[in-house]
Amino acid sequence: METVHKVCLVFTIIGAINWGLIGFFDFNLVSALFQENSAITRIVYSLVGICGLINIGLLFNHITADVK
């Protein structure tokens, strides 16, 4: 499970960098790499979103560790 969390963190970081580029420079790196509105772009966005949801579990992981 630790490997899944690390992979999800990498995708979440990629998403955060992309959002930072959009906010600061109005440049969408994912669309620039894979063409806007392509299937690959949608897959990348979907993976980043799913990984962000999985990372919510990391946020509360210390609570379950304290209970044990």
PDB file of N, CA and C in Angstrom:
ATOM      1  N   MET A   1       0.825  -1.205   0.000  1.00  0.00           N
ATOM      2  CA  MET A   1       0.000   0.000   0.000  1.00  0.00           C
ATOM      3  C   MET A   1       0.864   1.262   0.000  1.00  0.00           C
ATOM      4  N   GLU A   2       2.038   1.162   0.576  1.00  0.00           N
ATOM      5  CA  GLU A   2       2.915   2.330   0.620  1.00  0.00           C
ATOM      6  C   GLU A   2       3.314   2.778  -0.792  1.00  0.00           C
ATOM      7  N   THR A   3       3.513   1.829  -1.692  1.00  0.00           N
ATOM      8  CA  THR A   3       3.868   2.163  -3.071  1.00  0.00           C
ATOM      9  C   THR A   3       2.733   2.913  -3.757  1.00  0.00           C
ATOM     10  N   VAL A   4       1.512   2.484  -3.518  1.00  0.00           N
ATOM     11  CA  VAL A   4       0.352   3.170  -4.099  1.00  0.00           C
ATOM     12  C   VAL A   4       0.296   4.609  -3.594  1.00  0.00           C
ATOM     13  N   HIS A   5       0.539   4.811  -2.317  1.00  0.00           N
ATOM     14  CA  HIS A   5       0.508   6.164  -1.763  1.00  0.00           C
ATOM     15  C   HIS A   5       1.602   7.035  -2.363  1.00  0.00           C
ATOM     16  N   LYS A   6       2.779   6.468  -2.574  1.00  0.00           N
ATOM     17  CA  LYS A   6       3.866   7.251  -3.171  1.00  0.00           C
ATOM     18  C   LYS A   6       3.556   7.627  -4.612  1.00  0.00           C
ATOM     19  N   VAL A   7       2.998   6.699  -5.371  1.00  0.00           N
ATOM     20  CA  VAL A   7       2.612   6.995  -6.752  1.00  0.00           C
ATOM     21  C   VAL A   7       1.535   8.076  -6.768  1.00  0.00           C
ATOM     22  N   CYS A   8       0.583   7.967  -5.863  1.00  0.00           N
ATOM     23  CA  CYS A   8      -0.482   8.975  -5.783  1.00  0.00           C
ATOM     24  C   CYS A   8       0.070  10.340  -5.394  1.00  0.00           C
ATOM     25  N   LEU A   9       1.042  10.360  -4.504  1.00  0.00           N
ATOM     26  CA  LEU A   9       1.661  11.634  -4.144  1.00  0.00           C
ATOM     27  C   LEU A   9       2.359  12.264  -5.339  1.00  0.00           C
ATOM     28  N   VAL A  10       3.020  11.462  -6.160  1.00  0.00           N
ATOM     29  CA  VAL A  10       3.682  11.988  -7.354  1.00  0.00           C
ATOM     30  C   VAL A  10       2.656  12.607  -8.296  1.00  0.00           C
ATOM     31  N   PHE A  11       1.553  11.912  -8.547  1.00  0.00           N
ATOM     32  CA  PHE A  11       0.512  12.461  -9.420  1.00  0.00           C
ATOM     33  C   PHE A  11      -0.108  13.724  -8.822  1.00  0.00           C
ATOM     34  N   THR A  12      -0.277  13.751  -7.519  1.00  0.00           N
ATOM     35  CA  THR A  12      -0.839  14.933  -6.871  1.00  0.00           C
ATOM     36  C   THR A  12       0.121  16.115  -6.981  1.00  0.00           C
ATOM     37  N   ILE A  13       1.401  15.858  -6.851  1.00  0.00           N
ATOM     38  CA  ILE A  13       2.399  16.918  -7.008  1.00  0.00           C
ATOM     39  C   ILE A  13       2.405  17.443  -8.443  1.00  0.00           C
ATOM     40  N   ILE A  14       2.301  16.534  -9.410  1.00  0.00           N
ATOM     41  CA  ILE A  14       2.207  16.958 -10.815  1.00  0.00           C
ATOM     42  C   ILE A  14       0.991  17.860 -11.014  1.00  0.00           C
ATOM     43  N   GLY A  15      -0.131  17.474 -10.418  1.00  0.00           N
ATOM     44  CA  GLY A  15      -1.340  18.297 -10.516  1.00  0.00           C
ATOM     45  C   GLY A  15      -1.165  19.655  -9.857  1.00  0.00           C
ATOM     46  N   ALA A  16      -0.492  19.671  -8.712  1.00  0.00           N
ATOM     47  CA  ALA A  16      -0.263  20.942  -8.018  1.00  0.00           C
ATOM     48  C   ALA A  16       0.645  21.855  -8.830  1.00  0.00           C
ATOM     49  N   ILE A  17       1.679  21.280  -9.432  1.00  0.00           N
ATOM     50  CA  ILE A  17       2.569  22.085 -10.280  1.00  0.00           C
ATOM     51  C   ILE A  17       1.799  22.632 -11.470  1.00  0.00           C
ATOM     52  N   ASN A  18       0.956  21.812 -12.066  1.00  0.00           N
ATOM     53  CA  ASN A  18       0.162  22.279 -13.205  1.00  0.00           C
ATOM     54  C   ASN A  18      -0.767  23.423 -12.795  1.00  0.00           C
ATOM     55  N   TRP A  19      -1.424  23.281 -11.645  1.00  0.00           N
ATOM     56  CA  TRP A  19      -2.308  24.356 -11.187  1.00  0.00           C
ATOM     57  C   TRP A  19      -1.525  25.621 -10.857  1.00  0.00           C
ATOM     58  N   GLY A  20      -0.322  25.466 -10.326  1.00  0.00           N
ATOM     59  CA  GLY A  20       0.524  26.632 -10.075  1.00  0.00           C
ATOM     60  C   GLY A  20       0.902  27.342 -11.358  1.00  0.00           C
ATOM     61  N   LEU A  21       1.240  26.563 -12.379  1.00  0.00           N
ATOM     62  CA  LEU A  21       1.562  27.164 -13.678  1.00  0.00           C
ATOM     63  C   LEU A  21       0.360  27.881 -14.276  1.00  0.00           C
ATOM     64  N   ILE A  22      -0.813  27.284 -14.112  1.00  0.00           N
ATOM     65  CA  ILE A  22      -2.029  27.932 -14.618  1.00  0.00           C
ATOM     66  C   ILE A  22      -2.276  29.236 -13.867  1.00  0.00           C
ATOM     67  N   GLY A  23      -2.135  29.201 -12.549  1.00  0.00           N
ATOM     68  CA  GLY A  23      -2.411  30.387 -11.746  1.00  0.00           C
ATOM     69  C   GLY A  23      -1.416  31.511 -11.958  1.00  0.00           C
ATOM     70  N   PHE A  24      -0.144  31.163 -12.034  1.00  0.00           N
ATOM     71  CA  PHE A  24       0.888  32.201 -12.138  1.00  0.00           C
ATOM     72  C   PHE A  24       1.154  32.660 -13.570  1.00  0.00           C
ATOM     73  N   PHE A  25       1.104  31.737 -14.514  1.00  0.00           N
ATOM     74  CA  PHE A  25       1.536  32.061 -15.869  1.00  0.00           C
ATOM     75  C   PHE A  25       0.474  31.803 -16.933  1.00  0.00           C
ATOM     76  N   ASP A  26      -0.714  31.358 -16.542  1.00  0.00           N
ATOM     77  CA  ASP A  26      -1.787  31.011 -17.483  1.00  0.00           C
ATOM     78  C   ASP A  26      -1.273  30.012 -18.526  1.00  0.00           C
ATOM     79  N   PHE A  27      -0.510  29.010 -18.044  1.00  0.00           N
ATOM     80  CA  PHE A  27       0.067  27.982 -18.907  1.00  0.00           C
ATOM     81  C   PHE A  27      -0.321  26.621 -18.372  1.00  0.00           C
ATOM     82  N   ASN A  28      -1.033  25.839 -19.186  1.00  0.00           N
ATOM     83  CA  ASN A  28      -1.458  24.504 -18.797  1.00  0.00           C
ATOM     84  C   ASN A  28      -0.480  23.491 -19.380  1.00  0.00           C
ATOM     85  N   LEU A  29       0.386  22.943 -18.541  1.00  0.00           N
ATOM     86  CA  LEU A  29       1.427  22.027 -18.986  1.00  0.00           C
ATOM     87  C   LEU A  29       0.856  20.736 -19.560  1.00  0.00           C
ATOM     88  N   VAL A  30      -0.187  20.205 -18.939  1.00  0.00           N
ATOM     89  CA  VAL A  30      -0.782  18.954 -19.413  1.00  0.00           C
ATOM     90  C   VAL A  30      -1.357  19.142 -20.818  1.00  0.00           C
ATOM     91  N   SER A  31      -2.068  20.210 -21.036  1.00  0.00           N
ATOM     92  CA  SER A  31      -2.629  20.476 -22.370  1.00  0.00           C
ATOM     93  C   SER A  31      -1.524  20.748 -23.386  1.00  0.00           C
ATOM     94  N   ALA A  32      -0.452  21.383 -22.946  1.00  0.00           N
ATOM     95  CA  ALA A  32       0.653  21.660 -23.859  1.00  0.00           C
ATOM     96  C   ALA A  32       1.364  20.369 -24.271  1.00  0.00           C
ATOM     97  N   LEU A  33       1.469  19.419 -23.368  1.00  0.00           N
ATOM     98  CA  LEU A  33       2.152  18.166 -23.672  1.00  0.00           C
ATOM     99  C   LEU A  33       1.297  17.210 -24.491  1.00  0.00           C
ATOM    100  N   PHE A  34      -0.003  17.152 -24.180  1.00  0.00           N
ATOM    101  CA  PHE A  34      -0.854  16.124 -24.776  1.00  0.00           C
ATOM    102  C   PHE A  34      -1.997  16.676 -25.614  1.00  0.00           C
ATOM    103  N   GLN A  35      -1.984  17.890 -25.997  1.00  0.00           N
ATOM    104  CA  GLN A  35      -3.036  18.553 -26.763  1.00  0.00           C
ATOM    105  C   GLN A  35      -4.302  18.733 -25.917  1.00  0.00           C
ATOM    106  N   GLU A  36      -4.899  19.872 -26.076  1.00  0.00           N
ATOM    107  CA  GLU A  36      -6.089  20.207 -25.299  1.00  0.00           C
ATOM    108  C   GLU A  36      -7.259  19.314 -25.702  1.00  0.00           C
ATOM    109  N   ASN A  37      -8.017  18.872 -24.716  1.00  0.00           N
ATOM    110  CA  ASN A  37      -9.212  18.048 -24.881  1.00  0.00           C
ATOM    111  C   ASN A  37      -8.948  16.692 -25.540  1.00  0.00           C
ATOM    112  N   SER A  38      -7.752  16.158 -25.385  1.00  0.00           N
ATOM    113  CA  SER A  38      -7.480  14.821 -25.912  1.00  0.00           C
ATOM    114  C   SER A  38      -7.808  13.785 -24.840  1.00  0.00           C
ATOM    115  N   ALA A  39      -7.862  12.538 -25.249  1.00  0.00           N
ATOM    116  CA  ALA A  39      -8.171  11.462 -24.305  1.00  0.00           C
ATOM    117  C   ALA A  39      -7.074  11.327 -23.252  1.00  0.00           C
ATOM    118  N   ILE A  40      -5.826  11.500 -23.658  1.00  0.00           N
ATOM    119  CA  ILE A  40      -4.715  11.389 -22.699  1.00  0.00           C
ATOM    120  C   ILE A  40      -4.797  12.489 -21.649  1.00  0.00           C
ATOM    121  N   THR A  41      -5.147  13.691 -22.067  1.00  0.00           N
ATOM    122  CA  THR A  41      -5.297  14.798 -21.122  1.00  0.00           C
ATOM    123  C   THR A  41      -6.376  14.484 -20.097  1.00  0.00           C
ATOM    124  N   ARG A  42      -7.485  13.955 -20.546  1.00  0.00           N
ATOM    125  CA  ARG A  42      -8.574  13.596 -19.626  1.00  0.00           C
ATOM    126  C   ARG A  42      -8.147  12.481 -18.678  1.00  0.00           C
ATOM    127  N   ILE A  43      -7.353  11.535 -19.182  1.00  0.00           N
ATOM    128  CA  ILE A  43      -6.855  10.447 -18.335  1.00  0.00           C
ATOM    129  C   ILE A  43      -5.927  10.998 -17.255  1.00  0.00           C
ATOM    130  N   VAL A  44      -5.028  11.904 -17.646  1.00  0.00           N
ATOM    131  CA  VAL A  44      -4.116  12.504 -16.662  1.00  0.00           C
ATOM    132  C   VAL A  44      -4.902  13.257 -15.600  1.00  0.00           C
ATOM    133  N   TYR A  45      -5.866  14.062 -16.019  1.00  0.00           N
ATOM    134  CA  TYR A  45      -6.686  14.796 -15.045  1.00  0.00           C
ATOM    135  C   TYR A  45      -7.448  13.846 -14.132  1.00  0.00           C
ATOM    136  N   SER A  46      -7.969  12.770 -14.694  1.00  0.00           N
ATOM    137  CA  SER A  46      -8.710  11.789 -13.889  1.00  0.00           C
ATOM    138  C   SER A  46      -7.795  11.104 -12.883  1.00  0.00           C
ATOM    139  N   LEU A  47      -6.591  10.728 -13.322  1.00  0.00           N
ATOM    140  CA  LEU A  47      -5.635  10.096 -12.407  1.00  0.00           C
ATOM    141  C   LEU A  47      -5.236  11.031 -11.272  1.00  0.00           C
ATOM    142  N   VAL A  48      -5.014  12.292 -11.597  1.00  0.00           N
ATOM    143  CA  VAL A  48      -4.662  13.266 -10.560  1.00  0.00           C
ATOM    144  C   VAL A  48      -5.814  13.411  -9.562  1.00  0.00           C
ATOM    145  N   GLY A  49      -7.037  13.443 -10.056  1.00  0.00           N
ATOM    146  CA  GLY A  49      -8.194  13.555  -9.167  1.00  0.00           C
ATOM    147  C   GLY A  49      -8.359  12.338  -8.271  1.00  0.00           C
ATOM    148  N   ILE A  50      -8.221  11.157  -8.842  1.00  0.00           N
ATOM    149  CA  ILE A  50      -8.330   9.924  -8.047  1.00  0.00           C
ATOM    150  C   ILE A  50      -7.219   9.865  -7.002  1.00  0.00           C
ATOM    151  N   CYS A  51      -6.014  10.219  -7.426  1.00  0.00           N
ATOM    152  CA  CYS A  51      -4.886  10.198  -6.487  1.00  0.00           C
ATOM    153  C   CYS A  51      -5.077  11.218  -5.362  1.00  0.00           C
ATOM    154  N   GLY A  52      -5.659  12.351  -5.684  1.00  0.00           N
ATOM    155  CA  GLY A  52      -5.960  13.325  -4.637  1.00  0.00           C
ATOM    156  C   GLY A  52      -6.933  12.773  -3.617  1.00  0.00           C
ATOM    157  N   LEU A  53      -7.927  12.036  -4.078  1.00  0.00           N
ATOM    158  CA  LEU A  53      -8.876  11.412  -3.152  1.00  0.00           C
ATOM    159  C   LEU A  53      -8.200  10.345  -2.297  1.00  0.00           C
ATOM    160  N   ILE A  54      -7.313   9.574  -2.897  1.00  0.00           N
ATOM    161  CA  ILE A  54      -6.587   8.561  -2.130  1.00  0.00           C
ATOM    162  C   ILE A  54      -5.701   9.220  -1.080  1.00  0.00           C
ATOM    163  N   ASN A  55      -5.127  10.364  -1.421  1.00  0.00           N
ATOM    164  CA  ASN A  55      -4.257  11.069  -0.474  1.00  0.00           C
ATOM    165  C   ASN A  55      -5.012  11.632   0.721  1.00  0.00           C
ATOM    166  N   ILE A  56      -6.312  11.753   0.627  1.00  0.00           N
ATOM    167  CA  ILE A  56      -7.089  12.157   1.797  1.00  0.00           C
ATOM    168  C   ILE A  56      -6.883  11.147   2.918  1.00  0.00           C
ATOM    169  N   GLY A  57      -6.742   9.874   2.550  1.00  0.00           N
ATOM    170  CA  GLY A  57      -6.460   8.835   3.542  1.00  0.00           C
ATOM    171  C   GLY A  57      -5.147   9.075   4.262  1.00  0.00           C
ATOM    172  N   LEU A  58      -4.142   9.600   3.556  1.00  0.00           N
ATOM    173  CA  LEU A  58      -2.862   9.923   4.198  1.00  0.00           C
ATOM    174  C   LEU A  58      -3.017  11.045   5.212  1.00  0.00           C
ATOM    175  N   LEU A  59      -3.908  11.954   4.923  1.00  0.00           N
ATOM    176  CA  LEU A  59      -4.142  13.078   5.822  1.00  0.00           C
ATOM    177  C   LEU A  59      -4.622  12.604   7.194  1.00  0.00           C
ATOM    178  N   PHE A  60      -5.453  11.567   7.195  1.00  0.00           N
ATOM    179  CA  PHE A  60      -6.014  11.060   8.441  1.00  0.00           C
ATOM    180  C   PHE A  60      -5.336   9.784   8.924  1.00  0.00           C
ATOM    181  N   ASN A  61      -4.239   9.399   8.307  1.00  0.00           N
ATOM    182  CA  ASN A  61      -3.538   8.177   8.647  1.00  0.00           C
ATOM    183  C   ASN A  61      -3.018   8.186  10.084  1.00  0.00           C
ATOM    184  N   HIS A  62      -2.606   9.330  10.594  1.00  0.00           N
ATOM    185  CA  HIS A  62      -2.067   9.411  11.948  1.00  0.00           C
ATOM    186  C   HIS A  62      -3.145   9.138  13.002  1.00  0.00           C
ATOM    187  N   ILE A  63      -4.402   9.403  12.669  1.00  0.00           N
ATOM    188  CA  ILE A  63      -5.480   9.160  13.624  1.00  0.00           C
ATOM    189  C   ILE A  63      -5.650   7.669  13.863  1.00  0.00           C
ATOM    190  N   THR A  64      -5.627   6.878  12.782  1.00  0.00           N
ATOM    191  CA  THR A  64      -5.758   5.428  12.964  1.00  0.00           C
ATOM    192  C   THR A  64      -4.508   4.839  13.594  1.00  0.00           C
ATOM    193  N   ALA A  65      -3.348   5.444  13.385  1.00  0.00           N
ATOM    194  CA  ALA A  65      -2.109   4.949  13.996  1.00  0.00           C
ATOM    195  C   ALA A  65      -2.128   5.193  15.497  1.00  0.00           C
ATOM    196  N   ASP A  66      -2.745   6.291  15.958  1.00  0.00           N
ATOM    197  CA  ASP A  66      -2.816   6.598  17.387  1.00  0.00           C
ATOM    198  C   ASP A  66      -3.778   5.671  18.107  1.00  0.00           C
ATOM    199  N   VAL A  67      -4.799   5.192  17.414  1.00  0.00           N
ATOM    200  CA  VAL A  67      -5.813   4.334  18.032  1.00  0.00           C
ATOM    201  C   VAL A  67      -5.241   2.965  18.369  1.00  0.00           C
ATOM    202  N   LYS A  68      -4.329   2.474  17.541  1.00  0.00           N
ATOM    203  CA  LYS A  68      -3.761   1.134  17.740  1.00  0.00           C
ATOM    204  C   LYS A  68      -2.927   1.107  18.928  1.00  0.00           C
TER     205      LYS A  68
END
